[in-house]
């Protein structure tokens, strides 16, 4: 039995594209201190790890690897804090 393909479009949205959109949102909608201290710094770190990856390519295993590597530089509370929303 053949399965139908979806629209056939491939999404090419990379993490770095998401980072730009998120930081624009964050800058406008969050307190300046929150933006500077948390969102901007967290996104920089995430972008170094995942910037060129397409969002659909980022797996839970990759995220856990990122967290494990980050634990060597920052406290567990920093690594386990909720992701930016």
C-alpha atoms as a PDB file:
ATOM      1  CA  UNK A   1       0.000   0.000   0.000  1.00  0.00           C
ATOM      2  CA  UNK A   2       1.356   3.389  -0.973  1.00  0.00           C
ATOM      3  CA  UNK A   3       1.227   6.244   1.443  1.00  0.00           C
ATOM      4  CA  UNK A   4       0.449   9.763   0.410  1.00  0.00           C
ATOM      5  CA  UNK A   5       3.193  12.308   0.668  1.00  0.00           C
ATOM      6  CA  UNK A   6       2.433  15.513   2.367  1.00  0.00           C
ATOM      7  CA  UNK A   7       2.742  18.682   0.364  1.00  0.00           C
ATOM      8  CA  UNK A   8       6.301  17.740  -0.556  1.00  0.00           C
ATOM      9  CA  UNK A   9       7.675  20.987   0.836  1.00  0.00           C
ATOM     10  CA  UNK A  10      10.789  20.795   2.909  1.00  0.00           C
ATOM     11  CA  UNK A  11      11.009  23.299   5.711  1.00  0.00           C
ATOM     12  CA  UNK A  12      14.388  24.956   5.835  1.00  0.00           C
ATOM     13  CA  UNK A  13      13.861  26.872   9.051  1.00  0.00           C
ATOM     14  CA  UNK A  14      17.146  26.777  10.949  1.00  0.00           C
ATOM     15  CA  UNK A  15      17.610  27.300  14.651  1.00  0.00           C
ATOM     16  CA  UNK A  16      19.427  30.582  14.022  1.00  0.00           C
ATOM     17  CA  UNK A  17      16.307  31.875  12.223  1.00  0.00           C
ATOM     18  CA  UNK A  18      14.191  30.972  15.233  1.00  0.00           C
ATOM     19  CA  UNK A  19      16.731  32.665  17.529  1.00  0.00           C
ATOM     20  CA  UNK A  20      16.413  35.957  15.653  1.00  0.00           C
ATOM     21  CA  UNK A  21      12.610  35.849  15.807  1.00  0.00           C
ATOM     22  CA  UNK A  22      12.585  34.907  19.464  1.00  0.00           C
ATOM     23  CA  UNK A  23      15.032  37.631  20.473  1.00  0.00           C
ATOM     24  CA  UNK A  24      12.979  40.254  18.614  1.00  0.00           C
ATOM     25  CA  UNK A  25       9.915  39.111  20.543  1.00  0.00           C
ATOM     26  CA  UNK A  26      11.791  38.963  23.838  1.00  0.00           C
ATOM     27  CA  UNK A  27      13.308  42.426  23.463  1.00  0.00           C
ATOM     28  CA  UNK A  28       9.850  43.978  23.050  1.00  0.00           C
ATOM     29  CA  UNK A  29       7.838  41.847  25.486  1.00  0.00           C
ATOM     30  CA  UNK A  30      10.138  41.279  28.436  1.00  0.00           C
ATOM     31  CA  UNK A  31      11.842  43.497  30.968  1.00  0.00           C
ATOM     32  CA  UNK A  32      15.236  44.741  29.760  1.00  0.00           C
ATOM     33  CA  UNK A  33      17.035  42.997  32.626  1.00  0.00           C
ATOM     34  CA  UNK A  34      15.351  39.672  31.847  1.00  0.00           C
ATOM     35  CA  UNK A  35      16.180  40.014  28.182  1.00  0.00           C
ATOM     36  CA  UNK A  36      19.841  40.818  28.825  1.00  0.00           C
ATOM     37  CA  UNK A  37      20.486  38.429  31.687  1.00  0.00           C
ATOM     38  CA  UNK A  38      18.556  35.399  30.547  1.00  0.00           C
ATOM     39  CA  UNK A  39      17.174  35.324  27.046  1.00  0.00           C
ATOM     40  CA  UNK A  40      20.017  36.894  25.111  1.00  0.00           C
ATOM     41  CA  UNK A  41      22.715  34.875  26.888  1.00  0.00           C
ATOM     42  CA  UNK A  42      20.799  31.588  26.725  1.00  0.00           C
ATOM     43  CA  UNK A  43      20.020  32.047  23.061  1.00  0.00           C
ATOM     44  CA  UNK A  44      23.667  32.786  22.253  1.00  0.00           C
ATOM     45  CA  UNK A  45      24.701  29.531  23.876  1.00  0.00           C
ATOM     46  CA  UNK A  46      21.955  27.583  22.112  1.00  0.00           C
ATOM     47  CA  UNK A  47      22.769  29.190  18.789  1.00  0.00           C
ATOM     48  CA  UNK A  48      26.411  28.125  19.081  1.00  0.00           C
ATOM     49  CA  UNK A  49      25.240  24.548  19.537  1.00  0.00           C
ATOM     50  CA  UNK A  50      22.337  24.414  17.075  1.00  0.00           C
ATOM     51  CA  UNK A  51      22.564  27.515  14.848  1.00  0.00           C
ATOM     52  CA  UNK A  52      23.018  25.795  11.484  1.00  0.00           C
ATOM     53  CA  UNK A  53      20.694  22.880  12.261  1.00  0.00           C
ATOM     54  CA  UNK A  54      17.225  22.821  10.850  1.00  0.00           C
ATOM     55  CA  UNK A  55      14.673  22.735  13.658  1.00  0.00           C
ATOM     56  CA  UNK A  56      13.375  19.380  12.502  1.00  0.00           C
ATOM     57  CA  UNK A  57      16.901  17.904  12.748  1.00  0.00           C
ATOM     58  CA  UNK A  58      17.357  18.728  16.448  1.00  0.00           C
ATOM     59  CA  UNK A  59      16.705  15.592  18.470  1.00  0.00           C
ATOM     60  CA  UNK A  60      16.169  15.007  22.197  1.00  0.00           C
ATOM     61  CA  UNK A  61      19.539  13.235  22.275  1.00  0.00           C
ATOM     62  CA  UNK A  62      21.257  16.321  20.855  1.00  0.00           C
ATOM     63  CA  UNK A  63      19.583  18.499  23.477  1.00  0.00           C
ATOM     64  CA  UNK A  64      20.719  16.175  26.270  1.00  0.00           C
ATOM     65  CA  UNK A  65      24.262  16.289  24.876  1.00  0.00           C
ATOM     66  CA  UNK A  66      24.126  20.087  24.879  1.00  0.00           C
ATOM     67  CA  UNK A  67      22.926  20.091  28.484  1.00  0.00           C
ATOM     68  CA  UNK A  68      25.667  17.672  29.579  1.00  0.00           C
ATOM     69  CA  UNK A  69      28.358  19.809  27.935  1.00  0.00           C
ATOM     70  CA  UNK A  70      26.901  22.979  29.447  1.00  0.00           C
ATOM     71  CA  UNK A  71      27.013  21.411  32.928  1.00  0.00           C
ATOM     72  CA  UNK A  72      30.801  21.531  32.725  1.00  0.00           C
ATOM     73  CA  UNK A  73      30.624  25.348  32.607  1.00  0.00           C
ATOM     74  CA  UNK A  74      27.550  26.409  34.591  1.00  0.00           C
ATOM     75  CA  UNK A  75      25.502  25.242  37.557  1.00  0.00           C
ATOM     76  CA  UNK A  76      22.787  22.579  37.263  1.00  0.00           C
ATOM     77  CA  UNK A  77      20.172  25.229  38.109  1.00  0.00           C
ATOM     78  CA  UNK A  78      21.228  27.212  35.052  1.00  0.00           C
ATOM     79  CA  UNK A  79      21.060  24.212  32.761  1.00  0.00           C
ATOM     80  CA  UNK A  80      17.739  23.011  34.120  1.00  0.00           C
ATOM     81  CA  UNK A  81      15.975  26.364  34.082  1.00  0.00           C
ATOM     82  CA  UNK A  82      12.956  26.476  31.768  1.00  0.00           C
ATOM     83  CA  UNK A  83      13.707  27.269  28.144  1.00  0.00           C
ATOM     84  CA  UNK A  84      12.795  30.713  26.814  1.00  0.00           C
ATOM     85  CA  UNK A  85       9.103  31.105  25.992  1.00  0.00           C
END
